[in-house]
Amino acid sequence: MAKINLLPWRESQRKEKQQEFFVMLGAGAAVAVLAVLLVHFQMDNKIKGQERRNTYLANEIVQLDKQIKEIQKLDATRRALVERMEVIQNLQATRPGIVHLFDEVVNTLPNSVHLTALVQNGDSINISGRAESNARVSSYMRNIEESEWLAKPKLSVISTEEDDDGLRVSSFSLQLAQTNPDAELEEE
């Protein structure tokens, strides 16, 4: 029998398998590197896209903040205008009230009663004056109670003195309220 050496064939097969293993290992490494690079680029694109969206949202938030400030300024201006309009409307509504007040003061004033001061603070009125007697002051208070535009007379001070002619005179001070019968009718 002839001597056949199978070692070189096995050795060459082993070298081929080893070479094949390294090629596969290189191809696997290349595929892995390629996959890592692909994932890296994809994630980088997603991060850049999110950063663009964040920048866009930040810019929009700045714009909305500016618009909110403008709206707040407009609201403040509107509130100021509404307050002014209400003041003007209140003045317009109370404008005839002063005419009625003086008219009622004159109409309710009995003979021999003279007023020396009239001070109005809102709806409250303080009247000072002089009368011939305490009965005239009482008559004046009754007339005020019967008035549509005046109410709640309250005598705070009354004193009797002698005037320059030697006659006895009663000095008085009244507090009363101004009413508005038109407003009372509107409330009903």
C-alpha atoms as a PDB file:
ATOM      1  CA  MET A   1       0.000   0.000   0.000  1.00  0.00           C
ATOM      2  CA  ALA A   2       1.159   3.328  -0.813  1.00  0.00           C
ATOM      3  CA  LYS A   3       1.732   5.770   1.864  1.00  0.00           C
ATOM      4  CA  ILE A   4      -0.621   8.708   1.523  1.00  0.00           C
ATOM      5  CA  ASN A   5      -0.177  11.617   3.831  1.00  0.00           C
ATOM      6  CA  LEU A   6      -3.556  13.181   4.608  1.00  0.00           C
ATOM      7  CA  LEU A   7      -2.088  15.778   6.963  1.00  0.00           C
ATOM      8  CA  PRO A   8      -1.527  18.540   4.435  1.00  0.00           C
ATOM      9  CA  TRP A   9      -5.117  18.167   3.232  1.00  0.00           C
ATOM     10  CA  ARG A  10      -6.409  18.451   6.785  1.00  0.00           C
ATOM     11  CA  GLU A  11      -3.980  21.272   7.444  1.00  0.00           C
ATOM     12  CA  SER A  12      -5.179  23.114   4.354  1.00  0.00           C
ATOM     13  CA  GLN A  13      -8.814  22.455   5.343  1.00  0.00           C
ATOM     14  CA  ARG A  14      -8.090  23.790   8.843  1.00  0.00           C
ATOM     15  CA  LYS A  15      -6.453  26.865   7.315  1.00  0.00           C
ATOM     16  CA  GLU A  16      -9.454  27.369   5.023  1.00  0.00           C
ATOM     17  CA  LYS A  17     -11.876  27.068   7.956  1.00  0.00           C
ATOM     18  CA  GLN A  18      -9.723  29.424   9.986  1.00  0.00           C
ATOM     19  CA  GLN A  19      -9.599  31.837   7.073  1.00  0.00           C
ATOM     20  CA  GLU A  20     -13.369  31.469   6.618  1.00  0.00           C
ATOM     21  CA  PHE A  21     -13.854  32.105  10.367  1.00  0.00           C
ATOM     22  CA  PHE A  22     -11.789  35.303  10.203  1.00  0.00           C
ATOM     23  CA  VAL A  23     -13.653  36.484   7.107  1.00  0.00           C
ATOM     24  CA  MET A  24     -16.955  35.820   8.857  1.00  0.00           C
ATOM     25  CA  LEU A  25     -15.635  37.481  11.986  1.00  0.00           C
ATOM     26  CA  GLY A  26     -14.540  40.522   9.917  1.00  0.00           C
ATOM     27  CA  ALA A  27     -17.878  40.582   8.091  1.00  0.00           C
ATOM     28  CA  GLY A  28     -19.726  40.322  11.420  1.00  0.00           C
ATOM     29  CA  ALA A  29     -17.588  43.095  12.885  1.00  0.00           C
ATOM     30  CA  ALA A  30     -18.186  45.226   9.779  1.00  0.00           C
ATOM     31  CA  VAL A  31     -21.932  44.595  10.002  1.00  0.00           C
ATOM     32  CA  ALA A  32     -21.846  45.401  13.748  1.00  0.00           C
ATOM     33  CA  VAL A  33     -19.897  48.618  13.118  1.00  0.00           C
ATOM     34  CA  LEU A  34     -22.258  49.486  10.292  1.00  0.00           C
ATOM     35  CA  ALA A  35     -25.280  48.800  12.564  1.00  0.00           C
ATOM     36  CA  VAL A  36     -23.761  50.905  15.355  1.00  0.00           C
ATOM     37  CA  LEU A  37     -23.061  53.745  12.908  1.00  0.00           C
ATOM     38  CA  LEU A  38     -26.568  53.457  11.467  1.00  0.00           C
ATOM     39  CA  VAL A  39     -28.141  53.553  14.951  1.00  0.00           C
ATOM     40  CA  HIS A  40     -25.814  56.427  15.920  1.00  0.00           C
ATOM     41  CA  PHE A  41     -26.815  58.478  12.855  1.00  0.00           C
ATOM     42  CA  GLN A  42     -30.473  57.673  13.388  1.00  0.00           C
ATOM     43  CA  MET A  43     -30.317  58.707  17.068  1.00  0.00           C
ATOM     44  CA  ASP A  44     -28.322  61.802  16.146  1.00  0.00           C
ATOM     45  CA  ASN A  45     -31.012  62.755  13.620  1.00  0.00           C
ATOM     46  CA  LYS A  46     -33.735  62.174  16.210  1.00  0.00           C
ATOM     47  CA  ILE A  47     -31.853  64.289  18.788  1.00  0.00           C
ATOM     48  CA  LYS A  48     -31.340  67.084  16.244  1.00  0.00           C
ATOM     49  CA  GLY A  49     -35.013  66.881  15.255  1.00  0.00           C
ATOM     50  CA  GLN A  50     -36.062  67.098  18.904  1.00  0.00           C
ATOM     51  CA  GLU A  51     -33.703  70.026  19.461  1.00  0.00           C
ATOM     52  CA  ARG A  52     -35.260  71.785  16.446  1.00  0.00           C
ATOM     53  CA  ARG A  53     -38.727  71.162  17.903  1.00  0.00           C
ATOM     54  CA  ASN A  54     -37.586  72.400  21.323  1.00  0.00           C
ATOM     55  CA  THR A  55     -36.128  75.547  19.737  1.00  0.00           C
ATOM     56  CA  TYR A  56     -39.345  76.083  17.787  1.00  0.00           C
ATOM     57  CA  LEU A  57     -41.436  75.608  20.940  1.00  0.00           C
ATOM     58  CA  ALA A  58     -39.181  77.958  22.920  1.00  0.00           C
ATOM     59  CA  ASN A  59     -39.573  80.632  20.211  1.00  0.00           C
ATOM     60  CA  GLU A  60     -43.336  80.132  20.167  1.00  0.00           C
ATOM     61  CA  ILE A  61     -43.453  80.370  23.972  1.00  0.00           C
ATOM     62  CA  VAL A  62     -41.558  83.672  23.794  1.00  0.00           C
ATOM     63  CA  GLN A  63     -44.047  84.931  21.188  1.00  0.00           C
ATOM     64  CA  LEU A  64     -46.997  83.789  23.313  1.00  0.00           C
ATOM     65  CA  ASP A  65     -45.501  85.454  26.398  1.00  0.00           C
ATOM     66  CA  LYS A  66     -45.287  88.718  24.426  1.00  0.00           C
ATOM     67  CA  GLN A  67     -48.900  88.298  23.333  1.00  0.00           C
ATOM     68  CA  ILE A  68     -49.969  87.549  26.924  1.00  0.00           C
ATOM     69  CA  LYS A  69     -48.253  90.746  28.113  1.00  0.00           C
ATOM     70  CA  GLU A  70     -50.019  92.707  25.375  1.00  0.00           C
ATOM     71  CA  ILE A  71     -53.344  91.136  26.365  1.00  0.00           C
ATOM     72  CA  GLN A  72     -52.708  92.021  30.020  1.00  0.00           C
ATOM     73  CA  LYS A  73     -51.940  95.613  29.030  1.00  0.00           C
ATOM     74  CA  LEU A  74     -55.117  95.725  26.949  1.00  0.00           C
ATOM     75  CA  ASP A  75     -57.104  94.256  29.860  1.00  0.00           C
ATOM     76  CA  ALA A  76     -55.694  96.894  32.202  1.00  0.00           C
ATOM     77  CA  THR A  77     -56.573  99.609  29.687  1.00  0.00           C
ATOM     78  CA  ARG A  78     -60.057  98.142  29.254  1.00  0.00           C
ATOM     79  CA  ARG A  79     -60.594  97.995  33.036  1.00  0.00           C
ATOM     80  CA  ALA A  80     -59.460 101.617  33.372  1.00  0.00           C
ATOM     81  CA  LEU A  81     -61.842 102.662  30.594  1.00  0.00           C
ATOM     82  CA  VAL A  82     -64.720 100.715  32.143  1.00  0.00           C
ATOM     83  CA  GLU A  83     -64.026 102.353  35.521  1.00  0.00           C
ATOM     84  CA  ARG A  84     -63.996 105.783  33.876  1.00  0.00           C
ATOM     85  CA  MET A  85     -67.233 105.009  32.072  1.00  0.00           C
ATOM     86  CA  GLU A  86     -68.833 103.908  35.359  1.00  0.00           C
ATOM     87  CA  VAL A  87     -67.699 107.119  37.059  1.00  0.00           C
ATOM     88  CA  ILE A  88     -69.106 109.156  34.173  1.00  0.00           C
ATOM     89  CA  GLN A  89     -72.375 107.205  34.271  1.00  0.00           C
ATOM     90  CA  ASN A  90     -72.636 107.711  38.028  1.00  0.00           C
ATOM     91  CA  LEU A  91     -71.998 111.422  37.592  1.00  0.00           C
ATOM     92  CA  GLN A  92     -74.613 111.591  34.850  1.00  0.00           C
ATOM     93  CA  ALA A  93     -77.091 109.707  37.048  1.00  0.00           C
ATOM     94  CA  THR A  94     -76.478 111.920  40.077  1.00  0.00           C
ATOM     95  CA  ARG A  95     -76.322 115.175  38.148  1.00  0.00           C
ATOM     96  CA  PRO A  96     -80.011 116.031  38.653  1.00  0.00           C
ATOM     97  CA  GLY A  97     -79.693 115.017  42.306  1.00  0.00           C
ATOM     98  CA  ILE A  98     -77.981 118.263  43.337  1.00  0.00           C
ATOM     99  CA  VAL A  99     -80.750 120.262  41.697  1.00  0.00           C
ATOM    100  CA  HIS A 100     -83.370 118.237  43.574  1.00  0.00           C
ATOM    101  CA  LEU A 101     -81.347 118.603  46.792  1.00  0.00           C
ATOM    102  CA  PHE A 102     -81.325 122.404  46.672  1.00  0.00           C
ATOM    103  CA  ASP A 103     -84.938 122.478  45.534  1.00  0.00           C
ATOM    104  CA  GLU A 104     -86.007 120.296  48.468  1.00  0.00           C
ATOM    105  CA  VAL A 105     -83.878 122.271  50.934  1.00  0.00           C
ATOM    106  CA  VAL A 106     -85.712 125.430  49.866  1.00  0.00           C
ATOM    107  CA  ASN A 107     -89.165 123.786  49.722  1.00  0.00           C
ATOM    108  CA  THR A 108     -88.868 122.186  53.162  1.00  0.00           C
ATOM    109  CA  LEU A 109     -87.496 125.304  54.872  1.00  0.00           C
ATOM    110  CA  PRO A 110     -90.190 126.921  57.055  1.00  0.00           C
ATOM    111  CA  ASN A 111     -90.478 130.661  57.651  1.00  0.00           C
ATOM    112  CA  SER A 112     -88.112 132.146  60.245  1.00  0.00           C
ATOM    113  CA  VAL A 113     -85.474 129.442  59.657  1.00  0.00           C
ATOM    114  CA  HIS A 114     -82.196 130.501  58.065  1.00  0.00           C
ATOM    115  CA  LEU A 115     -79.453 128.144  56.972  1.00  0.00           C
ATOM    116  CA  THR A 116     -75.835 129.094  57.622  1.00  0.00           C
ATOM    117  CA  ALA A 117     -74.041 126.030  56.216  1.00  0.00           C
ATOM    118  CA  LEU A 118     -74.760 123.003  54.063  1.00  0.00           C
ATOM    119  CA  VAL A 119     -72.091 120.317  53.656  1.00  0.00           C
ATOM    120  CA  GLN A 120     -72.646 117.211  51.542  1.00  0.00           C
ATOM    121  CA  ASN A 121     -70.463 114.121  51.788  1.00  0.00           C
ATOM    122  CA  GLY A 122     -71.823 111.430  49.473  1.00  0.00           C
ATOM    123  CA  ASP A 123     -75.462 110.913  50.443  1.00  0.00           C
ATOM    124  CA  SER A 124     -74.940 112.391  53.918  1.00  0.00           C
ATOM    125  CA  ILE A 125     -75.744 116.081  54.415  1.00  0.00           C
ATOM    126  CA  ASN A 126     -74.955 118.311  57.409  1.00  0.00           C
ATOM    127  CA  ILE A 127     -77.022 121.486  57.741  1.00  0.00           C
ATOM    128  CA  SER A 128     -76.401 124.274  60.217  1.00  0.00           C
ATOM    129  CA  GLY A 129     -78.735 127.192  60.736  1.00  0.00           C
ATOM    130  CA  ARG A 130     -80.694 129.502  63.001  1.00  0.00           C
ATOM    131  CA  ALA A 131     -84.385 129.485  63.797  1.00  0.00           C
ATOM    132  CA  GLU A 132     -86.803 131.725  65.644  1.00  0.00           C
ATOM    133  CA  SER A 133     -87.696 128.856  68.007  1.00  0.00           C
ATOM    134  CA  ASN A 134     -87.229 125.161  68.638  1.00  0.00           C
ATOM    135  CA  ALA A 135     -90.697 124.586  67.181  1.00  0.00           C
ATOM    136  CA  ARG A 136     -89.483 125.906  63.811  1.00  0.00           C
ATOM    137  CA  VAL A 137     -86.599 123.409  63.883  1.00  0.00           C
ATOM    138  CA  SER A 138     -89.094 120.604  64.630  1.00  0.00           C
ATOM    139  CA  SER A 139     -91.273 121.778  61.765  1.00  0.00           C
ATOM    140  CA  TYR A 140     -88.237 121.746  59.490  1.00  0.00           C
ATOM    141  CA  MET A 141     -87.433 118.157  60.519  1.00  0.00           C
ATOM    142  CA  ARG A 142     -91.048 117.052  59.810  1.00  0.00           C
ATOM    143  CA  ASN A 143     -90.882 118.693  56.386  1.00  0.00           C
ATOM    144  CA  ILE A 144     -87.647 116.809  55.668  1.00  0.00           C
ATOM    145  CA  GLU A 145     -89.271 113.485  56.652  1.00  0.00           C
ATOM    146  CA  GLU A 146     -92.125 114.156  54.227  1.00  0.00           C
ATOM    147  CA  SER A 147     -89.755 115.008  51.381  1.00  0.00           C
ATOM    148  CA  GLU A 148     -89.110 112.537  48.569  1.00  0.00           C
ATOM    149  CA  TRP A 149     -85.463 113.581  48.163  1.00  0.00           C
ATOM    150  CA  LEU A 150     -84.433 114.013  51.809  1.00  0.00           C
ATOM    151  CA  ALA A 151     -84.720 111.532  54.677  1.00  0.00           C
ATOM    152  CA  LYS A 152     -83.599 110.580  58.167  1.00  0.00           C
ATOM    153  CA  PRO A 153     -83.213 113.998  59.793  1.00  0.00           C
ATOM    154  CA  LYS A 154     -81.223 113.747  62.987  1.00  0.00           C
ATOM    155  CA  LEU A 155     -80.771 116.749  65.244  1.00  0.00           C
ATOM    156  CA  SER A 156     -77.236 116.755  66.568  1.00  0.00           C
ATOM    157  CA  VAL A 157     -77.000 120.203  68.243  1.00  0.00           C
ATOM    158  CA  ILE A 158     -79.540 122.809  69.277  1.00  0.00           C
ATOM    159  CA  SER A 159     -78.805 125.792  71.485  1.00  0.00           C
ATOM    160  CA  THR A 160     -80.630 128.983  72.351  1.00  0.00           C
ATOM    161  CA  GLU A 161     -78.781 132.320  72.189  1.00  0.00           C
ATOM    162  CA  GLU A 162     -79.570 135.967  71.909  1.00  0.00           C
ATOM    163  CA  ASP A 163     -78.898 137.694  68.627  1.00  0.00           C
ATOM    164  CA  ASP A 164     -77.719 141.270  68.079  1.00  0.00           C
ATOM    165  CA  ASP A 165     -81.269 142.652  68.500  1.00  0.00           C
ATOM    166  CA  GLY A 166     -81.721 140.925  71.871  1.00  0.00           C
ATOM    167  CA  LEU A 167     -84.115 138.278  70.459  1.00  0.00           C
ATOM    168  CA  ARG A 168     -83.800 134.610  71.399  1.00  0.00           C
ATOM    169  CA  VAL A 169     -82.568 132.489  68.484  1.00  0.00           C
ATOM    170  CA  SER A 170     -82.087 128.701  68.301  1.00  0.00           C
ATOM    171  CA  SER A 171     -78.912 127.551  66.550  1.00  0.00           C
ATOM    172  CA  PHE A 172     -79.128 124.007  65.246  1.00  0.00           C
ATOM    173  CA  SER A 173     -77.192 121.371  63.373  1.00  0.00           C
ATOM    174  CA  LEU A 174     -78.946 118.599  61.443  1.00  0.00           C
ATOM    175  CA  GLN A 175     -77.708 115.471  59.773  1.00  0.00           C
ATOM    176  CA  LEU A 176     -79.807 113.949  57.026  1.00  0.00           C
ATOM    177  CA  ALA A 177     -79.564 111.716  53.997  1.00  0.00           C
ATOM    178  CA  GLN A 178     -80.285 112.427  50.366  1.00  0.00           C
ATOM    179  CA  THR A 179     -82.479 109.840  48.663  1.00  0.00           C
ATOM    180  CA  ASN A 180     -83.389 109.236  45.053  1.00  0.00           C
ATOM    181  CA  PRO A 181     -87.000 108.162  44.553  1.00  0.00           C
ATOM    182  CA  ASP A 182     -86.293 107.402  40.871  1.00  0.00           C
ATOM    183  CA  ALA A 183     -83.620 104.853  41.871  1.00  0.00           C
ATOM    184  CA  GLU A 184     -85.973 103.303  44.422  1.00  0.00           C
ATOM    185  CA  LEU A 185     -88.622 102.872  41.726  1.00  0.00           C
ATOM    186  CA  GLU A 186     -86.078 101.202  39.414  1.00  0.00           C
ATOM    187  CA  GLU A 187     -85.092  98.737  42.171  1.00  0.00           C
ATOM    188  CA  GLU A 188     -88.702  97.617  42.605  1.00  0.00           C
END
